[in-house]
Protein backbone atom coordinates (compact mmCIF):
# COMPACT_ATOMS: atom_id res chain seq x y z
CA MET A 1 -84.21 218.50 114.87
CA PRO A 2 -86.34 217.96 117.96
CA ALA A 3 -88.41 214.76 117.95
CA ASP A 4 -91.65 216.78 118.28
CA SER A 5 -91.06 218.46 114.92
CA ALA A 6 -91.47 217.20 111.35
CA LEU A 7 -89.50 217.82 108.17
CA LEU A 8 -91.06 218.26 104.73
CA ILE A 9 -88.64 217.70 101.86
CA LEU A 10 -89.68 219.12 98.52
CA SER A 11 -86.66 218.96 96.18
CA VAL A 12 -82.95 219.10 96.85
CA PHE A 13 -80.69 219.19 93.80
CA ALA A 14 -77.48 220.54 95.38
CA ASP A 15 -76.05 221.36 98.78
CA ALA A 16 -74.42 224.59 100.00
CA ASP A 17 -71.11 223.48 98.43
CA CYS A 18 -72.82 223.00 95.03
CA VAL A 19 -72.49 219.22 95.22
CA SER A 20 -75.27 217.80 93.02
CA PHE A 21 -77.77 215.22 94.28
CA ILE A 22 -80.52 213.12 92.82
CA PRO A 23 -83.49 214.46 94.82
CA ARG A 24 -84.61 210.97 95.92
CA ASP A 25 -81.11 210.23 97.26
CA ALA A 26 -80.94 213.57 99.06
CA ALA A 27 -84.32 212.91 100.72
CA SER A 28 -83.11 209.48 101.84
CA ARG A 29 -79.87 210.86 103.30
CA ILE A 30 -81.73 213.60 105.15
CA ALA A 31 -84.37 211.18 106.46
CA THR A 32 -81.71 208.76 107.69
CA THR A 33 -80.05 211.42 109.83
CA SER A 34 -83.12 213.39 110.91
CA GLY A 35 -84.33 213.08 114.46
CA ALA A 36 -87.80 214.08 113.26
CA PRO A 37 -90.25 212.29 110.98
CA VAL A 38 -89.70 213.12 107.30
CA TYR A 39 -92.45 213.61 104.72
CA SER A 40 -91.59 213.67 101.03
CA SER A 41 -92.81 212.64 97.59
CA TYR A 42 -89.52 210.75 97.29
CA PHE A 43 -90.62 207.58 99.02
CA ASP A 44 -87.96 204.91 99.62
CA GLY A 45 -88.34 203.38 103.09
CA THR A 46 -86.42 206.01 105.06
CA VAL A 47 -89.25 208.52 104.69
CA LEU A 48 -92.24 208.19 107.02
CA ALA A 49 -94.94 209.31 104.60
CA GLY A 50 -95.75 211.26 101.51
CA HIS A 51 -98.62 212.31 99.30
CA VAL A 52 -97.54 210.98 95.92
CA GLY A 53 -98.66 210.09 92.44
CA THR A 54 -98.33 206.39 91.72
CA PHE A 55 -97.14 204.54 88.65
CA THR A 56 -100.57 202.89 88.58
CA ALA A 57 -102.28 206.28 88.29
CA ILE A 58 -99.81 207.39 85.61
CA GLY A 59 -100.35 204.18 83.61
CA GLU A 60 -104.14 204.43 83.87
CA GLU A 61 -104.11 208.02 82.64
CA MET A 62 -101.71 207.24 79.78
CA ALA A 63 -103.87 204.28 78.70
CA SER A 64 -107.01 206.41 78.79
CA LEU A 65 -105.37 209.14 76.69
CA ALA A 66 -104.01 206.62 74.17
CA LEU A 67 -107.36 204.83 73.81
CA GLY A 68 -109.06 208.18 73.29
CA LEU A 69 -106.62 209.06 70.51
CA PHE A 70 -107.04 205.64 68.86
CA ASP A 71 -110.82 206.20 68.87
CA GLY A 72 -110.31 209.46 66.97
CA GLY A 73 -110.49 211.76 69.98
CA ALA A 74 -108.61 215.02 70.26
CA VAL A 75 -105.51 215.55 72.34
CA THR A 76 -106.68 216.73 75.74
CA PRO A 77 -105.00 219.23 78.03
CA PRO A 78 -102.83 217.87 80.85
CA VAL A 79 -104.70 216.42 83.80
CA THR A 80 -103.96 216.27 87.49
CA LEU A 81 -103.18 212.70 88.43
CA LYS A 82 -104.71 211.04 91.44
CA GLU A 83 -102.34 211.08 94.40
CA VAL A 84 -102.40 208.83 97.42
CA ALA A 85 -101.05 209.15 100.94
CA LEU A 86 -98.35 206.50 101.42
CA ILE A 87 -97.19 205.54 104.91
CA ASP A 88 -94.25 203.25 105.69
CA TRP A 89 -95.36 201.05 108.59
CA ARG A 90 -91.74 200.42 109.63
CA GLN A 91 -91.31 204.14 110.23
CA VAL A 92 -94.64 204.32 112.09
CA VAL A 93 -93.48 201.57 114.46
CA SER A 94 -89.95 202.94 114.92
CA ARG A 95 -91.31 206.40 115.80
CA GLY A 96 -94.07 205.12 118.08
CA ILE A 97 -96.88 206.74 116.11
CA ALA A 98 -100.38 205.59 117.09
CA ARG A 99 -102.35 203.74 114.39
CA ASP A 100 -105.31 206.08 114.84
CA LYS A 101 -103.13 208.99 113.65
CA ILE A 102 -102.88 207.45 110.17
CA PRO A 103 -105.44 208.79 107.68
CA ALA A 104 -108.13 206.21 106.89
CA ASP A 105 -107.52 206.49 103.13
CA ALA A 106 -103.73 206.08 103.38
CA GLU A 107 -101.99 203.18 101.69
CA ILE A 108 -99.81 201.51 104.32
CA LEU A 109 -96.66 199.87 103.00
CA HIS A 110 -94.74 197.06 104.75
CA TYR A 111 -97.60 196.20 107.12
CA GLN A 112 -98.28 192.54 107.91
CA PRO A 113 -101.79 192.03 109.32
CA THR A 114 -102.11 189.68 112.27
CA ALA A 115 -104.07 186.44 111.98
CA TRP A 116 -106.97 188.19 113.75
CA GLU A 117 -107.15 190.98 111.19
C-alpha cells in the first residue's frame, strides 16, 4: 500500500485459502508487512493505533455490576464500555508522524518523557 494511505483492520479469521487465524495474530502479520499505518482494536506493538476497550474499563464495569447485585439490585442490560484511543509511540516515531497529530485524549504507549517534560 502507498505510504500516504492507512489500513483499518476489523477482524480476520481466515485467508483466501481458508487458513484460520487468531484475529490478533492476523492483524500483527498484516501490520508488519504493510507499507501504510495500521489501525486496529488488536493492539500489540505492530499496530500504530486503535480505539479499544481496556481491561481496566471491563474490570470497573464488572465490579460495579457485581456490587449492585450484592446490594440487592436487579440485573441491568448490557452497557457500552468506555473506549480509549491507544497510540504506540514507537510506530509514531518510525512513521515520522508529528506529535500534534495525536489526539489530546489518546493514551500513548511506550513513550519516555524527557527530563524537561
